[in-house]
Amino acid sequence: MASSGIPALDKLLVDGYPDRSSVLVVGPPGIGKEALGYWFTSIGLSQGDFTIYVTKRSLRDIVRDAAGFGVDYSSRIPFLIARDGGQSKFNINDLAGLSYSIKEVMKSNQGRRIRIAMDVISPLLMLNPSATVYKFLSQLIEDVKQYDAILLASIEESMHDKQVLSAMQELFDGVLEMRFFEEALSPIPLLRVSKMTGSLPQQGYFKFVLTRNGMEISAYAK
């Protein structure tokens, strides 16, 4: 198991994310999906893991956004495949090139635990056929399982129809659902582990609060 970088989430997951697995975070914009990627890579950097961050954004955007969640990338930053400023450039129209870049980086660091965070699934689905993106992710997940690696990806729930979302969730070993529940006109952020390899699915949701020190999670009863 590998720590998520969030003690409360590790407890919920029973010690973290499983080795050689892929986990999809599903939720609406603004709920904090990217924060899970920041903490996941940050704890990896502190433990000597090789970390990769695949993003549609620039280095400056990532550093500034991560700082808001208490993650300091100023001295140590993941291997960045990004729009600008990274070690490799992200091209949304070149899935083959992206797949090759990730695979080569994993191959070059196969003696270490590897963590991959990516926030590009929704943009890829908007500009490429869903079958093409599904094939790309299928191959990437198979590549991850060949190494001591874990993939954490996020997808914007409101941007895709149910069939596409179901196909994406079926593909991954684990799925974390994040959602807002409107209660007395005040939205409550909720979290559920809808599936995780090696664990029974959880039926109920948990309340959570994001802070600069991580995530606070508590029981929720509707």
Protein backbone atom coordinates (compact mmCIF):
# COMPACT_ATOMS: atom_id res chain seq x y z
CA MET A 1 0.00 0.00 0.00
CA ALA A 2 1.12 3.58 -0.65
CA SER A 3 0.05 6.54 1.45
CA SER A 4 -2.31 9.00 -0.21
CA GLY A 5 -0.52 11.77 1.69
CA ILE A 6 -3.69 12.35 3.73
CA PRO A 7 -3.80 10.42 7.06
CA ALA A 8 -7.61 10.56 7.29
CA LEU A 9 -7.98 9.19 3.75
CA ASP A 10 -5.37 6.49 4.40
CA LYS A 11 -7.46 5.35 7.36
CA LEU A 12 -10.57 5.25 5.21
CA LEU A 13 -8.70 3.29 2.52
CA VAL A 14 -7.11 0.95 5.10
CA ASP A 15 -3.49 2.12 4.72
CA GLY A 16 -3.65 3.91 1.36
CA TYR A 17 -3.78 3.07 -2.33
CA PRO A 18 -2.91 -0.52 -3.36
CA ASP A 19 0.42 -1.10 -5.11
CA ARG A 20 0.37 -1.49 -8.92
CA SER A 21 -3.10 0.00 -9.17
CA SER A 22 -5.01 2.80 -10.87
CA VAL A 23 -7.42 5.08 -9.00
CA LEU A 24 -9.93 7.49 -10.54
CA VAL A 25 -11.25 10.53 -8.65
CA VAL A 26 -14.68 11.58 -9.95
CA GLY A 27 -16.37 14.86 -9.07
CA PRO A 28 -17.56 18.32 -10.09
CA PRO A 29 -15.30 21.33 -10.67
CA GLY A 30 -14.08 23.10 -7.55
CA ILE A 31 -14.50 20.24 -5.11
CA GLY A 32 -10.76 19.62 -4.68
CA LYS A 33 -9.88 16.68 -6.93
CA GLU A 34 -6.50 18.15 -7.88
CA ALA A 35 -5.59 18.53 -4.19
CA LEU A 36 -5.53 14.75 -3.86
CA GLY A 37 -2.94 14.70 -6.64
CA TYR A 38 -0.80 17.32 -4.90
CA TRP A 39 -0.73 15.45 -1.59
CA PHE A 40 -0.20 12.10 -3.36
CA THR A 41 2.87 13.38 -5.20
CA SER A 42 4.15 15.44 -2.25
CA ILE A 43 4.28 12.46 0.12
CA GLY A 44 5.93 10.49 -2.65
CA LEU A 45 8.67 13.09 -3.07
CA SER A 46 9.32 13.12 0.68
CA GLN A 47 9.64 9.32 0.69
CA GLY A 48 12.03 9.17 -2.27
CA ASP A 49 9.48 7.88 -4.80
CA PHE A 50 9.72 8.96 -8.41
CA THR A 51 6.67 11.12 -9.13
CA ILE A 52 5.13 12.18 -12.42
CA TYR A 53 2.47 14.85 -12.86
CA VAL A 54 0.60 15.04 -16.17
CA THR A 55 -1.38 18.26 -16.53
CA LYS A 56 -2.98 20.57 -19.07
CA ARG A 57 -1.74 23.51 -17.01
CA SER A 58 1.65 25.23 -16.74
CA LEU A 59 4.35 24.80 -14.11
CA ARG A 60 3.52 28.21 -12.64
CA ASP A 61 -0.18 27.32 -12.32
CA ILE A 62 0.60 24.01 -10.59
CA VAL A 63 3.05 25.54 -8.11
CA ARG A 64 0.65 28.36 -7.22
CA ASP A 65 -2.40 26.12 -6.90
CA ALA A 66 -0.59 23.47 -4.84
CA ALA A 67 0.64 26.14 -2.43
CA GLY A 68 -2.98 26.90 -1.56
CA PHE A 69 -3.23 23.36 -0.16
CA GLY A 70 0.00 23.58 1.78
CA VAL A 71 2.13 21.74 -0.80
CA ASP A 72 5.46 23.44 -1.55
CA TYR A 73 6.85 22.52 -4.96
CA SER A 74 9.46 25.31 -4.91
CA SER A 75 12.38 23.04 -4.00
CA ARG A 76 11.14 19.63 -5.15
CA ILE A 77 8.65 19.09 -7.94
CA PRO A 78 7.42 15.99 -9.76
CA PHE A 79 8.60 15.14 -13.27
CA LEU A 80 6.15 17.43 -15.05
CA ILE A 81 4.46 16.71 -18.37
CA ALA A 82 2.74 20.06 -18.77
CA ARG A 83 1.60 22.75 -21.17
CA ASP A 84 4.59 24.95 -20.24
CA GLY A 85 7.59 24.75 -17.94
CA GLY A 86 7.77 20.99 -17.46
CA GLN A 87 10.44 18.47 -18.35
CA SER A 88 8.18 17.27 -21.17
CA LYS A 89 5.46 19.12 -23.08
CA PHE A 90 1.86 17.97 -22.94
CA ASN A 91 0.17 17.84 -26.34
CA ILE A 92 -3.54 17.11 -26.05
CA ASN A 93 -3.65 15.91 -29.67
CA ASP A 94 -0.79 13.40 -29.34
CA LEU A 95 -1.92 10.47 -27.21
CA ALA A 96 0.73 8.19 -28.69
CA GLY A 97 3.46 10.65 -27.74
CA LEU A 98 2.06 11.05 -24.23
CA SER A 99 1.89 7.29 -23.76
CA TYR A 100 5.47 6.91 -24.98
CA SER A 101 6.75 9.67 -22.67
CA ILE A 102 5.16 8.17 -19.56
CA LYS A 103 6.30 4.66 -20.41
CA GLU A 104 9.91 5.76 -21.03
CA VAL A 105 10.05 7.70 -17.77
CA MET A 106 8.72 4.69 -15.85
CA LYS A 107 11.22 2.42 -17.58
CA SER A 108 14.10 4.72 -16.62
CA ASN A 109 13.03 4.67 -12.96
CA GLN A 110 11.87 1.08 -12.58
CA GLY A 111 14.02 0.52 -9.49
CA ARG A 112 11.89 2.93 -7.46
CA ARG A 113 8.25 3.21 -6.52
CA ILE A 114 6.56 5.41 -9.10
CA ARG A 115 3.57 7.69 -8.52
CA ILE A 116 1.65 9.23 -11.42
CA ALA A 117 -0.96 11.96 -11.02
CA MET A 118 -2.89 13.29 -13.99
CA ASP A 119 -5.70 15.82 -14.48
CA VAL A 120 -6.06 15.49 -18.25
CA ILE A 121 -8.74 12.84 -18.80
CA SER A 122 -11.62 15.29 -19.31
CA PRO A 123 -9.70 17.52 -21.76
CA LEU A 124 -8.62 14.41 -23.68
CA LEU A 125 -12.23 13.22 -23.88
CA MET A 126 -13.39 16.60 -25.14
CA LEU A 127 -10.96 16.62 -28.07
CA ASN A 128 -10.59 12.91 -28.86
CA PRO A 129 -13.06 10.05 -29.47
CA SER A 130 -13.93 8.34 -26.19
CA ALA A 131 -12.87 4.96 -27.64
CA THR A 132 -9.41 6.38 -28.39
CA VAL A 133 -9.02 7.76 -24.85
CA TYR A 134 -10.27 4.45 -23.40
CA LYS A 135 -7.63 2.58 -25.40
CA PHE A 136 -4.92 5.01 -24.27
CA LEU A 137 -5.87 4.62 -20.59
CA SER A 138 -6.17 0.83 -20.90
CA GLN A 139 -2.60 0.62 -22.17
CA LEU A 140 -1.34 3.10 -19.57
CA ILE A 141 -2.92 1.10 -16.74
CA GLU A 142 -1.36 -2.10 -18.09
CA ASP A 143 2.03 -0.35 -18.21
CA VAL A 144 1.58 0.84 -14.60
CA LYS A 145 1.07 -2.75 -13.46
CA GLN A 146 4.43 -3.76 -14.97
CA TYR A 147 6.23 -1.51 -12.50
CA ASP A 148 6.00 -0.66 -8.81
CA ALA A 149 3.67 2.17 -9.78
CA ILE A 150 0.34 3.76 -8.87
CA LEU A 151 -1.76 5.98 -11.11
CA LEU A 152 -4.10 8.60 -9.61
CA ALA A 153 -6.27 10.36 -12.20
CA SER A 154 -9.22 12.74 -12.00
CA ILE A 155 -12.23 13.38 -14.23
CA GLU A 156 -14.85 16.14 -14.28
CA GLU A 157 -18.18 14.40 -13.72
CA SER A 158 -20.41 17.12 -15.19
CA MET A 159 -18.57 17.21 -18.54
CA HIS A 160 -19.41 13.67 -19.69
CA ASP A 161 -22.47 11.50 -20.19
CA LYS A 162 -23.21 8.52 -17.95
CA GLN A 163 -22.01 5.94 -20.46
CA VAL A 164 -18.57 7.52 -20.76
CA LEU A 165 -18.27 7.95 -16.97
CA SER A 166 -19.27 4.33 -16.40
CA ALA A 167 -16.70 3.13 -18.92
CA MET A 168 -13.96 5.19 -17.26
CA GLN A 169 -14.86 3.95 -13.78
CA GLU A 170 -14.97 0.34 -14.94
CA LEU A 171 -11.46 0.69 -16.33
CA PHE A 172 -9.81 1.74 -13.05
CA ASP A 173 -9.02 -0.48 -10.05
CA GLY A 174 -10.38 2.07 -7.60
CA VAL A 175 -12.87 4.94 -7.72
CA LEU A 176 -13.25 7.82 -5.28
CA GLU A 177 -16.46 9.81 -5.66
CA MET A 178 -16.53 13.43 -4.54
CA ARG A 179 -19.81 15.34 -4.65
CA PHE A 180 -21.70 18.27 -3.20
CA PHE A 181 -24.93 17.61 -1.32
CA GLU A 182 -27.25 20.58 -0.96
CA GLU A 183 -28.55 20.73 2.59
CA ALA A 184 -30.46 23.81 3.77
CA LEU A 185 -29.00 25.79 0.86
CA SER A 186 -25.47 25.03 2.07
CA PRO A 187 -23.45 22.59 -0.07
CA ILE A 188 -21.75 19.81 1.89
CA PRO A 189 -18.74 18.11 0.25
CA LEU A 190 -19.01 14.33 0.47
CA LEU A 191 -16.63 11.47 -0.32
CA ARG A 192 -17.18 7.80 -1.03
CA VAL A 193 -14.87 4.95 -1.95
CA SER A 194 -17.18 3.31 -4.48
CA LYS A 195 -14.63 0.62 -5.31
CA MET A 196 -11.04 -0.29 -4.49
CA THR A 197 -9.21 -3.45 -5.45
CA GLY A 198 -8.83 -5.77 -2.47
CA SER A 199 -11.57 -4.02 -0.47
CA LEU A 200 -15.33 -4.22 -0.15
CA PRO A 201 -17.19 -1.23 -1.67
CA GLN A 202 -18.45 1.40 0.77
CA GLN A 203 -22.12 2.23 0.55
CA GLY A 204 -22.14 5.42 2.61
CA TYR A 205 -20.63 8.87 2.11
CA PHE A 206 -18.31 10.78 4.44
CA LYS A 207 -18.12 14.53 4.98
CA PHE A 208 -14.78 16.12 4.29
CA VAL A 209 -13.09 19.48 4.64
CA LEU A 210 -9.94 20.47 2.75
CA THR A 211 -7.32 22.44 4.67
CA ARG A 212 -3.71 23.43 4.14
CA ASN A 213 -2.80 20.44 6.31
CA GLY A 214 -4.77 17.88 4.36
CA MET A 215 -8.31 16.54 4.54
CA GLU A 216 -10.53 16.12 7.57
CA ILE A 217 -13.06 13.29 7.15
CA SER A 218 -16.05 12.48 9.36
CA ALA A 219 -19.11 10.25 9.23
CA TYR A 220 -22.17 11.57 7.43
CA ALA A 221 -25.79 10.54 7.89
CA LYS A 222 -28.37 12.06 5.53
